[in-house]
Amino acid sequence: QVQLVESGGSLVQPGGSLRLSCAASGSIFSINYMGWYRQAPGKQRELVAGITSGGRTDYADNVKGRFTISRDNAKNTVYLQMYSLKPEDTAVYYCISPGSWGQGTQVTVSS
């Protein structure tokens, strides 16, 4: 298991962009699947995006076309690029890998 540390969360206006980063304490080269979840106040945690070691990606329907997940194995980092942000994207975003969760980073979309 690796330790995961997210960063990049912030307050952003609707229509804005953010890039979240997830730095792992060790190599992610052999980790088959990594992803991002989010949890909004009063709502269940939901999967936002995932990526396999081979680069295959999947996205929740409500972020398709706006969010892009990527991984840089050389830097042991996973990214979530978010465009056209909406107020309903407001949540704590968590990075995950098998057996590990990060502490989360807050994204707030508000004018």
PDB file of N, CA and C in Angstrom:
ATOM      1  N   GLN A   1       0.837  -1.187   0.000  1.00  0.00           N
ATOM      2  CA  GLN A   1       0.000   0.000   0.000  1.00  0.00           C
ATOM      3  C   GLN A   1       0.879   1.247   0.000  1.00  0.00           C
ATOM      4  N   VAL A   2       0.399   2.272  -0.637  1.00  0.00           N
ATOM      5  CA  VAL A   2       1.095   3.544  -0.637  1.00  0.00           C
ATOM      6  C   VAL A   2       0.256   4.577   0.092  1.00  0.00           C
ATOM      7  N   GLN A   3       0.917   5.609   0.580  1.00  0.00           N
ATOM      8  CA  GLN A   3       0.207   6.744   1.155  1.00  0.00           C
ATOM      9  C   GLN A   3      -0.044   7.754   0.040  1.00  0.00           C
ATOM     10  N   LEU A   4      -1.227   8.351   0.082  1.00  0.00           N
ATOM     11  CA  LEU A   4      -1.641   9.260  -0.977  1.00  0.00           C
ATOM     12  C   LEU A   4      -1.905  10.637  -0.386  1.00  0.00           C
ATOM     13  N   VAL A   5      -1.417  11.657  -1.047  1.00  0.00           N
ATOM     14  CA  VAL A   5      -1.610  13.032  -0.580  1.00  0.00           C
ATOM     15  C   VAL A   5      -2.139  13.867  -1.745  1.00  0.00           C
ATOM     16  N   GLU A   6      -3.354  14.384  -1.555  1.00  0.00           N
ATOM     17  CA  GLU A   6      -3.964  15.216  -2.590  1.00  0.00           C
ATOM     18  C   GLU A   6      -3.611  16.685  -2.388  1.00  0.00           C
ATOM     19  N   SER A   7      -3.638  17.417  -3.477  1.00  0.00           N
ATOM     20  CA  SER A   7      -3.457  18.861  -3.413  1.00  0.00           C
ATOM     21  C   SER A   7      -4.138  19.494  -4.626  1.00  0.00           C
ATOM     22  N   GLY A   8      -4.297  20.805  -4.557  1.00  0.00           N
ATOM     23  CA  GLY A   8      -4.854  21.525  -5.695  1.00  0.00           C
ATOM     24  C   GLY A   8      -6.272  22.014  -5.515  1.00  0.00           C
ATOM     25  N   GLY A   9      -6.936  21.587  -4.448  1.00  0.00           N
ATOM     26  CA  GLY A   9      -8.297  22.052  -4.220  1.00  0.00           C
ATOM     27  C   GLY A   9      -8.321  23.538  -3.883  1.00  0.00           C
ATOM     28  N   SER A  10      -9.416  24.175  -4.267  1.00  0.00           N
ATOM     29  CA  SER A  10      -9.505  25.619  -4.067  1.00  0.00           C
ATOM     30  C   SER A  10     -10.934  26.088  -4.270  1.00  0.00           C
ATOM     31  N   LEU A  11     -11.135  27.367  -4.067  1.00  0.00           N
ATOM     32  CA  LEU A  11     -12.390  28.031  -4.417  1.00  0.00           C
ATOM     33  C   LEU A  11     -12.252  28.546  -5.847  1.00  0.00           C
ATOM     34  N   VAL A  12     -13.217  28.214  -6.682  1.00  0.00           N
ATOM     35  CA  VAL A  12     -13.169  28.628  -8.085  1.00  0.00           C
ATOM     36  C   VAL A  12     -14.576  29.033  -8.525  1.00  0.00           C
ATOM     37  N   GLN A  13     -14.638  29.956  -9.457  1.00  0.00           N
ATOM     38  CA  GLN A  13     -15.934  30.412  -9.961  1.00  0.00           C
ATOM     39  C   GLN A  13     -16.514  29.396 -10.943  1.00  0.00           C
ATOM     40  N   PRO A  14     -17.827  29.371 -11.071  1.00  0.00           N
ATOM     41  CA  PRO A  14     -18.446  28.495 -12.081  1.00  0.00           C
ATOM     42  C   PRO A  14     -17.850  28.759 -13.461  1.00  0.00           C
ATOM     43  N   GLY A  15     -17.587  27.672 -14.168  1.00  0.00           N
ATOM     44  CA  GLY A  15     -16.949  27.779 -15.475  1.00  0.00           C
ATOM     45  C   GLY A  15     -15.447  27.733 -15.424  1.00  0.00           C
ATOM     46  N   GLY A  16     -14.889  27.775 -14.233  1.00  0.00           N
ATOM     47  CA  GLY A  16     -13.450  27.768 -14.077  1.00  0.00           C
ATOM     48  C   GLY A  16     -12.841  26.376 -14.152  1.00  0.00           C
ATOM     49  N   SER A  17     -11.528  26.333 -13.956  1.00  0.00           N
ATOM     50  CA  SER A  17     -10.777  25.087 -14.058  1.00  0.00           C
ATOM     51  C   SER A  17      -9.894  24.891 -12.839  1.00  0.00           C
ATOM     52  N   LEU A  18      -9.602  23.631 -12.550  1.00  0.00           N
ATOM     53  CA  LEU A  18      -8.659  23.274 -11.501  1.00  0.00           C
ATOM     54  C   LEU A  18      -7.963  21.992 -11.894  1.00  0.00           C
ATOM     55  N   ARG A  19      -6.760  21.809 -11.396  1.00  0.00           N
ATOM     56  CA  ARG A  19      -6.091  20.531 -11.536  1.00  0.00           C
ATOM     57  C   ARG A  19      -5.716  20.014 -10.153  1.00  0.00           C
ATOM     58  N   LEU A  20      -6.235  18.841  -9.847  1.00  0.00           N
ATOM     59  CA  LEU A  20      -5.891  18.175  -8.599  1.00  0.00           C
ATOM     60  C   LEU A  20      -4.724  17.229  -8.837  1.00  0.00           C
ATOM     61  N   SER A  21      -3.881  17.105  -7.825  1.00  0.00           N
ATOM     62  CA  SER A  21      -2.759  16.177  -7.888  1.00  0.00           C
ATOM     63  C   SER A  21      -2.833  15.205  -6.733  1.00  0.00           C
ATOM     64  N   CYS A  22      -2.374  14.005  -6.964  1.00  0.00           N
ATOM     65  CA  CYS A  22      -2.318  12.976  -5.933  1.00  0.00           C
ATOM     66  C   CYS A  22      -0.923  12.374  -5.967  1.00  0.00           C
ATOM     67  N   ALA A  23      -0.139  12.695  -4.956  1.00  0.00           N
ATOM     68  CA  ALA A  23       1.229  12.202  -4.876  1.00  0.00           C
ATOM     69  C   ALA A  23       1.276  10.959  -4.004  1.00  0.00           C
ATOM     70  N   ALA A  24       1.862   9.908  -4.536  1.00  0.00           N
ATOM     71  CA  ALA A  24       1.984   8.656  -3.804  1.00  0.00           C
ATOM     72  C   ALA A  24       3.360   8.553  -3.146  1.00  0.00           C
ATOM     73  N   SER A  25       3.388   7.857  -2.005  1.00  0.00           N
ATOM     74  CA  SER A  25       4.640   7.734  -1.250  1.00  0.00           C
ATOM     75  C   SER A  25       5.604   6.745  -1.882  1.00  0.00           C
ATOM     76  N   GLY A  26       5.105   5.935  -2.798  1.00  0.00           N
ATOM     77  CA  GLY A  26       5.951   4.959  -3.458  1.00  0.00           C
ATOM     78  C   GLY A  26       5.580   4.834  -4.923  1.00  0.00           C
ATOM     79  N   SER A  27       6.162   3.862  -5.551  1.00  0.00           N
ATOM     80  CA  SER A  27       5.924   3.689  -6.980  1.00  0.00           C
ATOM     81  C   SER A  27       4.479   3.277  -7.260  1.00  0.00           C
ATOM     82  N   ILE A  28       3.907   3.908  -8.272  1.00  0.00           N
ATOM     83  CA  ILE A  28       2.551   3.535  -8.695  1.00  0.00           C
ATOM     84  C   ILE A  28       2.601   2.720  -9.980  1.00  0.00           C
ATOM     85  N   PHE A  29       3.801   2.415 -10.446  1.00  0.00           N
ATOM     86  CA  PHE A  29       3.954   1.747 -11.736  1.00  0.00           C
ATOM     87  C   PHE A  29       3.140   0.460 -11.810  1.00  0.00           C
ATOM     88  N   SER A  30       3.162  -0.295 -10.720  1.00  0.00           N
ATOM     89  CA  SER A  30       2.502  -1.602 -10.732  1.00  0.00           C
ATOM     90  C   SER A  30       1.085  -1.565 -10.181  1.00  0.00           C
ATOM     91  N   ILE A  31       0.610  -0.393  -9.801  1.00  0.00           N
ATOM     92  CA  ILE A  31      -0.753  -0.289  -9.272  1.00  0.00           C
ATOM     93  C   ILE A  31      -1.722  -0.267 -10.447  1.00  0.00           C
ATOM     94  N   ASN A  32      -2.550  -1.303 -10.504  1.00  0.00           N
ATOM     95  CA  ASN A  32      -3.382  -1.482 -11.674  1.00  0.00           C
ATOM     96  C   ASN A  32      -4.424  -0.384 -11.842  1.00  0.00           C
ATOM     97  N   TYR A  33      -4.997   0.053 -10.719  1.00  0.00           N
ATOM     98  CA  TYR A  33      -6.096   1.005 -10.831  1.00  0.00           C
ATOM     99  C   TYR A  33      -5.952   2.089  -9.780  1.00  0.00           C
ATOM    100  N   MET A  34      -6.102   3.344 -10.221  1.00  0.00           N
ATOM    101  CA  MET A  34      -6.143   4.470  -9.309  1.00  0.00           C
ATOM    102  C   MET A  34      -7.286   5.373  -9.737  1.00  0.00           C
ATOM    103  N   GLY A  35      -7.813   6.104  -8.765  1.00  0.00           N
ATOM    104  CA  GLY A  35      -8.963   6.919  -9.124  1.00  0.00           C
ATOM    105  C   GLY A  35      -9.215   8.067  -8.184  1.00  0.00           C
ATOM    106  N   TRP A  36     -10.261   8.790  -8.503  1.00  0.00           N
ATOM    107  CA  TRP A  36     -10.716   9.914  -7.700  1.00  0.00           C
ATOM    108  C   TRP A  36     -12.182   9.702  -7.333  1.00  0.00           C
ATOM    109  N   TYR A  37     -12.473   9.867  -6.056  1.00  0.00           N
ATOM    110  CA  TYR A  37     -13.829   9.901  -5.554  1.00  0.00           C
ATOM    111  C   TYR A  37     -14.097  11.320  -5.059  1.00  0.00           C
ATOM    112  N   ARG A  38     -15.362  11.602  -4.851  1.00  0.00           N
ATOM    113  CA  ARG A  38     -15.714  12.864  -4.203  1.00  0.00           C
ATOM    114  C   ARG A  38     -16.922  12.660  -3.303  1.00  0.00           C
ATOM    115  N   GLN A  39     -17.028  13.528  -2.304  1.00  0.00           N
ATOM    116  CA  GLN A  39     -18.170  13.500  -1.407  1.00  0.00           C
ATOM    117  C   GLN A  39     -18.618  14.914  -1.112  1.00  0.00           C
ATOM    118  N   ALA A  40     -19.838  15.191  -1.499  1.00  0.00           N
ATOM    119  CA  ALA A  40     -20.435  16.496  -1.227  1.00  0.00           C
ATOM    120  C   ALA A  40     -21.193  16.432   0.093  1.00  0.00           C
ATOM    121  N   PRO A  41     -21.402  17.567   0.724  1.00  0.00           N
ATOM    122  CA  PRO A  41     -22.128  17.574   2.007  1.00  0.00           C
ATOM    123  C   PRO A  41     -23.497  16.925   1.881  1.00  0.00           C
ATOM    124  N   GLY A  42     -23.766  15.983   2.767  1.00  0.00           N
ATOM    125  CA  GLY A  42     -25.060  15.330   2.781  1.00  0.00           C
ATOM    126  C   GLY A  42     -25.270  14.294   1.704  1.00  0.00           C
ATOM    127  N   LYS A  43     -24.224  13.996   0.941  1.00  0.00           N
ATOM    128  CA  LYS A  43     -24.362  13.031  -0.144  1.00  0.00           C
ATOM    129  C   LYS A  43     -23.385  11.883   0.034  1.00  0.00           C
ATOM    130  N   GLN A  44     -23.685  10.802  -0.666  1.00  0.00           N
ATOM    131  CA  GLN A  44     -22.789   9.656  -0.624  1.00  0.00           C
ATOM    132  C   GLN A  44     -21.541   9.909  -1.456  1.00  0.00           C
ATOM    133  N   ARG A  45     -20.476   9.211  -1.067  1.00  0.00           N
ATOM    134  CA  ARG A  45     -19.251   9.306  -1.837  1.00  0.00           C
ATOM    135  C   ARG A  45     -19.473   8.669  -3.197  1.00  0.00           C
ATOM    136  N   GLU A  46     -18.945   9.292  -4.252  1.00  0.00           N
ATOM    137  CA  GLU A  46     -19.134   8.761  -5.589  1.00  0.00           C
ATOM    138  C   GLU A  46     -17.811   8.725  -6.343  1.00  0.00           C
ATOM    139  N   LEU A  47     -17.698   7.737  -7.220  1.00  0.00           N
ATOM    140  CA  LEU A  47     -16.524   7.632  -8.070  1.00  0.00           C
ATOM    141  C   LEU A  47     -16.612   8.682  -9.168  1.00  0.00           C
ATOM    142  N   VAL A  48     -15.554   9.442  -9.333  1.00  0.00           N
ATOM    143  CA  VAL A  48     -15.504  10.487 -10.356  1.00  0.00           C
ATOM    144  C   VAL A  48     -14.800   9.980 -11.604  1.00  0.00           C
ATOM    145  N   ALA A  49     -13.621   9.387 -11.403  1.00  0.00           N
ATOM    146  CA  ALA A  49     -12.828   8.927 -12.546  1.00  0.00           C
ATOM    147  C   ALA A  49     -11.825   7.896 -12.073  1.00  0.00           C
ATOM    148  N   GLY A  50     -11.439   7.009 -12.981  1.00  0.00           N
ATOM    149  CA  GLY A  50     -10.433   6.010 -12.673  1.00  0.00           C
ATOM    150  C   GLY A  50      -9.529   5.780 -13.866  1.00  0.00           C
ATOM    151  N   ILE A  51      -8.344   5.242 -13.581  1.00  0.00           N
ATOM    152  CA  ILE A  51      -7.387   4.983 -14.644  1.00  0.00           C
ATOM    153  C   ILE A  51      -6.604   3.727 -14.316  1.00  0.00           C
ATOM    154  N   THR A  52      -6.421   2.873 -15.309  1.00  0.00           N
ATOM    155  CA  THR A  52      -5.659   1.653 -15.109  1.00  0.00           C
ATOM    156  C   THR A  52      -4.180   1.895 -15.400  1.00  0.00           C
ATOM    157  N   SER A  53      -3.375   0.894 -15.099  1.00  0.00           N
ATOM    158  CA  SER A  53      -1.942   1.016 -15.377  1.00  0.00           C
ATOM    159  C   SER A  53      -1.670   1.118 -16.874  1.00  0.00           C
ATOM    160  N   GLY A  54      -2.592   0.609 -17.662  1.00  0.00           N
ATOM    161  CA  GLY A  54      -2.443   0.687 -19.109  1.00  0.00           C
ATOM    162  C   GLY A  54      -2.988   1.964 -19.711  1.00  0.00           C
ATOM    163  N   GLY A  55      -3.547   2.824 -18.858  1.00  0.00           N
ATOM    164  CA  GLY A  55      -4.045   4.104 -19.345  1.00  0.00           C
ATOM    165  C   GLY A  55      -5.512   4.133 -19.701  1.00  0.00           C
ATOM    166  N   ARG A  56      -6.210   3.030 -19.491  1.00  0.00           N
ATOM    167  CA  ARG A  56      -7.646   3.029 -19.746  1.00  0.00           C
ATOM    168  C   ARG A  56      -8.343   3.856 -18.677  1.00  0.00           C
ATOM    169  N   THR A  57      -9.279   4.689 -19.098  1.00  0.00           N
ATOM    170  CA  THR A  57      -9.957   5.587 -18.163  1.00  0.00           C
ATOM    171  C   THR A  57     -11.460   5.346 -18.155  1.00  0.00           C
ATOM    172  N   ASP A  58     -12.089   5.702 -17.036  1.00  0.00           N
ATOM    173  CA  ASP A  58     -13.540   5.700 -16.972  1.00  0.00           C
ATOM    174  C   ASP A  58     -13.977   6.887 -16.117  1.00  0.00           C
ATOM    175  N   TYR A  59     -15.178   7.379 -16.426  1.00  0.00           N
ATOM    176  CA  TYR A  59     -15.667   8.595 -15.795  1.00  0.00           C
ATOM    177  C   TYR A  59     -17.135   8.443 -15.408  1.00  0.00           C
ATOM    178  N   ALA A  60     -17.502   9.151 -14.354  1.00  0.00           N
ATOM    179  CA  ALA A  60     -18.909   9.270 -14.025  1.00  0.00           C
ATOM    180  C   ALA A  60     -19.593  10.064 -15.140  1.00  0.00           C
ATOM    181  N   ASP A  61     -20.840   9.751 -15.387  1.00  0.00           N
ATOM    182  CA  ASP A  61     -21.556  10.414 -16.474  1.00  0.00           C
ATOM    183  C   ASP A  61     -21.597  11.927 -16.303  1.00  0.00           C
ATOM    184  N   ASN A  62     -21.687  12.383 -15.062  1.00  0.00           N
ATOM    185  CA  ASN A  62     -21.857  13.815 -14.847  1.00  0.00           C
ATOM    186  C   ASN A  62     -20.567  14.616 -14.958  1.00  0.00           C
ATOM    187  N   VAL A  63     -19.438  13.958 -15.249  1.00  0.00           N
ATOM    188  CA  VAL A  63     -18.185  14.688 -15.453  1.00  0.00           C
ATOM    189  C   VAL A  63     -17.569  14.396 -16.821  1.00  0.00           C
ATOM    190  N   LYS A  64     -18.150  13.483 -17.563  1.00  0.00           N
ATOM    191  CA  LYS A  64     -17.607  13.149 -18.886  1.00  0.00           C
ATOM    192  C   LYS A  64     -17.545  14.383 -19.766  1.00  0.00           C
ATOM    193  N   GLY A  65     -16.411  14.538 -20.428  1.00  0.00           N
ATOM    194  CA  GLY A  65     -16.232  15.686 -21.301  1.00  0.00           C
ATOM    195  C   GLY A  65     -15.723  16.921 -20.587  1.00  0.00           C
ATOM    196  N   ARG A  66     -15.734  16.900 -19.260  1.00  0.00           N
ATOM    197  CA  ARG A  66     -15.251  18.061 -18.488  1.00  0.00           C
ATOM    198  C   ARG A  66     -14.012  17.734 -17.656  1.00  0.00           C
ATOM    199  N   PHE A  67     -13.905  16.492 -17.204  1.00  0.00           N
ATOM    200  CA  PHE A  67     -12.783  16.077 -16.364  1.00  0.00           C
ATOM    201  C   PHE A  67     -11.896  15.100 -17.135  1.00  0.00           C
ATOM    202  N   THR A  68     -10.598  15.158 -16.839  1.00  0.00           N
ATOM    203  CA  THR A  68      -9.644  14.224 -17.429  1.00  0.00           C
ATOM    204  C   THR A  68      -8.709  13.710 -16.354  1.00  0.00           C
ATOM    205  N   ILE A  69      -8.641  12.392 -16.234  1.00  0.00           N
ATOM    206  CA  ILE A  69      -7.719  11.778 -15.290  1.00  0.00           C
ATOM    207  C   ILE A  69      -6.476  11.317 -16.052  1.00  0.00           C
ATOM    208  N   SER A  70      -5.329  11.446 -15.398  1.00  0.00           N
ATOM    209  CA  SER A  70      -4.084  10.991 -16.014  1.00  0.00           C
ATOM    210  C   SER A  70      -3.146  10.542 -14.903  1.00  0.00           C
ATOM    211  N   ARG A  71      -2.114   9.821 -15.290  1.00  0.00           N
ATOM    212  CA  ARG A  71      -1.129   9.365 -14.315  1.00  0.00           C
ATOM    213  C   ARG A  71       0.258   9.523 -14.904  1.00  0.00           C
ATOM    214  N   ASP A  72       1.196   9.891 -14.044  1.00  0.00           N
ATOM    215  CA  ASP A  72       2.600  10.010 -14.424  1.00  0.00           C
ATOM    216  C   ASP A  72       3.366   9.052 -13.527  1.00  0.00           C
ATOM    217  N   ASN A  73       3.647   7.874 -14.045  1.00  0.00           N
ATOM    218  CA  ASN A  73       4.308   6.860 -13.226  1.00  0.00           C
ATOM    219  C   ASN A  73       5.705   7.294 -12.795  1.00  0.00           C
ATOM    220  N   ALA A  74       6.370   8.084 -13.601  1.00  0.00           N
ATOM    221  CA  ALA A  74       7.717   8.545 -13.256  1.00  0.00           C
ATOM    222  C   ALA A  74       7.699   9.464 -12.039  1.00  0.00           C
ATOM    223  N   LYS A  75       6.600  10.187 -11.877  1.00  0.00           N
ATOM    224  CA  LYS A  75       6.466  11.106 -10.742  1.00  0.00           C
ATOM    225  C   LYS A  75       5.587  10.533  -9.636  1.00  0.00           C
ATOM    226  N   ASN A  76       5.098   9.316  -9.840  1.00  0.00           N
ATOM    227  CA  ASN A  76       4.224   8.683  -8.836  1.00  0.00           C
ATOM    228  C   ASN A  76       3.045   9.578  -8.489  1.00  0.00           C
ATOM    229  N   THR A  77       2.445  10.134  -9.517  1.00  0.00           N
ATOM    230  CA  THR A  77       1.387  11.115  -9.319  1.00  0.00           C
ATOM    231  C   THR A  77       0.228  10.856 -10.274  1.00  0.00           C
ATOM    232  N   VAL A  78      -0.968  11.045  -9.748  1.00  0.00           N
ATOM    233  CA  VAL A  78      -2.185  10.964 -10.538  1.00  0.00           C
ATOM    234  C   VAL A  78      -2.827  12.353 -10.523  1.00  0.00           C
ATOM    235  N   TYR A  79      -3.379  12.743 -11.646  1.00  0.00           N
ATOM    236  CA  TYR A  79      -3.962  14.066 -11.777  1.00  0.00           C
ATOM    237  C   TYR A  79      -5.444  13.978 -12.138  1.00  0.00           C
ATOM    238  N   LEU A  80      -6.165  15.018 -11.774  1.00  0.00           N
ATOM    239  CA  LEU A  80      -7.543  15.173 -12.235  1.00  0.00           C
ATOM    240  C   LEU A  80      -7.682  16.608 -12.726  1.00  0.00           C
ATOM    241  N   GLN A  81      -7.728  16.759 -14.034  1.00  0.00           N
ATOM    242  CA  GLN A  81      -7.936  18.065 -14.639  1.00  0.00           C
ATOM    243  C   GLN A  81      -9.425  18.300 -14.784  1.00  0.00           C
ATOM    244  N   MET A  82      -9.896  19.413 -14.235  1.00  0.00           N
ATOM    245  CA  MET A  82     -11.323  19.702 -14.236  1.00  0.00           C
ATOM    246  C   MET A  82     -11.582  21.017 -14.967  1.00  0.00           C
ATOM    247  N   TYR A  83     -12.472  20.974 -15.937  1.00  0.00           N
ATOM    248  CA  TYR A  83     -12.862  22.160 -16.693  1.00  0.00           C
ATOM    249  C   TYR A  83     -14.363  22.404 -16.518  1.00  0.00           C
ATOM    250  N   SER A  84     -14.781  23.592 -16.884  1.00  0.00           N
ATOM    251  CA  SER A  84     -16.215  23.949 -16.866  1.00  0.00           C
ATOM    252  C   SER A  84     -16.871  23.548 -15.553  1.00  0.00           C
ATOM    253  N   LEU A  85     -16.236  23.924 -14.476  1.00  0.00           N
ATOM    254  CA  LEU A  85     -16.727  23.516 -13.161  1.00  0.00           C
ATOM    255  C   LEU A  85     -18.090  24.128 -12.859  1.00  0.00           C
ATOM    256  N   LYS A  86     -18.889  23.347 -12.149  1.00  0.00           N
ATOM    257  CA  LYS A  86     -20.243  23.738 -11.778  1.00  0.00           C
ATOM    258  C   LYS A  86     -20.373  23.720 -10.262  1.00  0.00           C
ATOM    259  N   PRO A  87     -21.324  24.459  -9.723  1.00  0.00           N
ATOM    260  CA  PRO A  87     -21.515  24.427  -8.260  1.00  0.00           C
ATOM    261  C   PRO A  87     -21.726  23.013  -7.728  1.00  0.00           C
ATOM    262  N   GLU A  88     -22.353  22.163  -8.516  1.00  0.00           N
ATOM    263  CA  GLU A  88     -22.585  20.787  -8.056  1.00  0.00           C
ATOM    264  C   GLU A  88     -21.327  19.936  -8.034  1.00  0.00           C
ATOM    265  N   ASP A  89     -20.208  20.469  -8.513  1.00  0.00           N
ATOM    266  CA  ASP A  89     -18.928  19.775  -8.384  1.00  0.00           C
ATOM    267  C   ASP A  89     -18.280  20.037  -7.030  1.00  0.00           C
ATOM    268  N   THR A  90     -18.876  20.907  -6.247  1.00  0.00           N
ATOM    269  CA  THR A  90     -18.348  21.194  -4.915  1.00  0.00           C
ATOM    270  C   THR A  90     -18.355  19.940  -4.061  1.00  0.00           C
ATOM    271  N   ALA A  91     -17.195  19.606  -3.521  1.00  0.00           N
ATOM    272  CA  ALA A  91     -17.057  18.376  -2.745  1.00  0.00           C
ATOM    273  C   ALA A  91     -15.625  18.278  -2.225  1.00  0.00           C
ATOM    274  N   VAL A  92     -15.431  17.310  -1.344  1.00  0.00           N
ATOM    275  CA  VAL A  92     -14.073  16.897  -0.990  1.00  0.00           C
ATOM    276  C   VAL A  92     -13.690  15.783  -1.953  1.00  0.00           C
ATOM    277  N   TYR A  93     -12.551  15.938  -2.589  1.00  0.00           N
ATOM    278  CA  TYR A  93     -12.081  14.976  -3.583  1.00  0.00           C
ATOM    279  C   TYR A  93     -10.982  14.112  -2.972  1.00  0.00           C
ATOM    280  N   TYR A  94     -11.147  12.803  -3.142  1.00  0.00           N
ATOM    281  CA  TYR A  94     -10.217  11.832  -2.571  1.00  0.00           C
ATOM    282  C   TYR A  94      -9.547  11.034  -3.682  1.00  0.00           C
ATOM    283  N   CYS A  95      -8.268  10.823  -3.502  1.00  0.00           N
ATOM    284  CA  CYS A  95      -7.515   9.941  -4.388  1.00  0.00           C
ATOM    285  C   CYS A  95      -7.512   8.553  -3.777  1.00  0.00           C
ATOM    286  N   ILE A  96      -7.631   7.528  -4.621  1.00  0.00           N
ATOM    287  CA  ILE A  96      -7.670   6.167  -4.109  1.00  0.00           C
ATOM    288  C   ILE A  96      -6.804   5.230  -4.937  1.00  0.00           C
ATOM    289  N   SER A  97      -6.298   4.231  -4.259  1.00  0.00           N
ATOM    290  CA  SER A  97      -5.680   3.083  -4.902  1.00  0.00           C
ATOM    291  C   SER A  97      -6.066   1.873  -4.049  1.00  0.00           C
ATOM    292  N   PRO A  98      -5.860   0.678  -4.505  1.00  0.00           N
ATOM    293  CA  PRO A  98      -6.279  -0.475  -3.715  1.00  0.00           C
ATOM    294  C   PRO A  98      -5.727  -0.435  -2.291  1.00  0.00           C
ATOM    295  N   GLY A  99      -6.611  -0.344  -1.322  1.00  0.00           N
ATOM    296  CA  GLY A  99      -6.223  -0.340   0.077  1.00  0.00           C
ATOM    297  C   GLY A  99      -5.820   1.008   0.634  1.00  0.00           C
ATOM    298  N   SER A 100      -5.846   2.058  -0.177  1.00  0.00           N
ATOM    299  CA  SER A 100      -5.385   3.363   0.293  1.00  0.00           C
ATOM    300  C   SER A 100      -6.329   4.478  -0.135  1.00  0.00           C
ATOM    301  N   TRP A 101      -6.503   5.419   0.770  1.00  0.00           N
ATOM    302  CA  TRP A 101      -7.266   6.641   0.495  1.00  0.00           C
ATOM    303  C   TRP A 101      -6.428   7.823   0.969  1.00  0.00           C
ATOM    304  N   GLY A 102      -6.507   8.913   0.232  1.00  0.00           N
ATOM    305  CA  GLY A 102      -5.889  10.130   0.705  1.00  0.00           C
ATOM    306  C   GLY A 102      -6.772  10.834   1.721  1.00  0.00           C
ATOM    307  N   GLN A 103      -6.298  11.972   2.196  1.00  0.00           N
ATOM    308  CA  GLN A 103      -7.045  12.714   3.220  1.00  0.00           C
ATOM    309  C   GLN A 103      -8.091  13.628   2.606  1.00  0.00           C
ATOM    310  N   GLY A 104      -8.010  13.855   1.315  1.00  0.00           N
ATOM    311  CA  GLY A 104      -8.995  14.671   0.617  1.00  0.00           C
ATOM    312  C   GLY A 104      -8.551  16.109   0.434  1.00  0.00           C
ATOM    313  N   THR A 105      -9.086  16.726  -0.606  1.00  0.00           N
ATOM    314  CA  THR A 105      -8.843  18.140  -0.858  1.00  0.00           C
ATOM    315  C   THR A 105     -10.167  18.788  -1.247  1.00  0.00           C
ATOM    316  N   GLN A 106     -10.425  19.960  -0.691  1.00  0.00           N
ATOM    317  CA  GLN A 106     -11.723  20.620  -0.871  1.00  0.00           C
ATOM    318  C   GLN A 106     -11.760  21.408  -2.173  1.00  0.00           C
ATOM    319  N   VAL A 107     -12.796  21.149  -2.951  1.00  0.00           N
ATOM    320  CA  VAL A 107     -13.080  21.943  -4.150  1.00  0.00           C
ATOM    321  C   VAL A 107     -14.415  22.637  -3.941  1.00  0.00           C
ATOM    322  N   THR A 108     -14.417  23.953  -4.050  1.00  0.00           N
ATOM    323  CA  THR A 108     -15.636  24.732  -3.898  1.00  0.00           C
ATOM    324  C   THR A 108     -15.849  25.558  -5.155  1.00  0.00           C
ATOM    325  N   VAL A 109     -17.001  25.374  -5.777  1.00  0.00           N
ATOM    326  CA  VAL A 109     -17.334  26.110  -6.994  1.00  0.00           C
ATOM    327  C   VAL A 109     -18.462  27.073  -6.647  1.00  0.00           C
ATOM    328  N   SER A 110     -18.133  28.343  -6.634  1.00  0.00           N
ATOM    329  CA  SER A 110     -19.107  29.341  -6.204  1.00  0.00           C
ATOM    330  C   SER A 110     -18.703  30.711  -6.731  1.00  0.00           C
ATOM    331  N   SER A 111     -19.709  31.526  -6.999  1.00  0.00           N
ATOM    332  CA  SER A 111     -19.443  32.900  -7.410  1.00  0.00           C
ATOM    333  C   SER A 111     -19.459  33.835  -6.206  1.00  0.00           C
TER     334      SER A 111
END
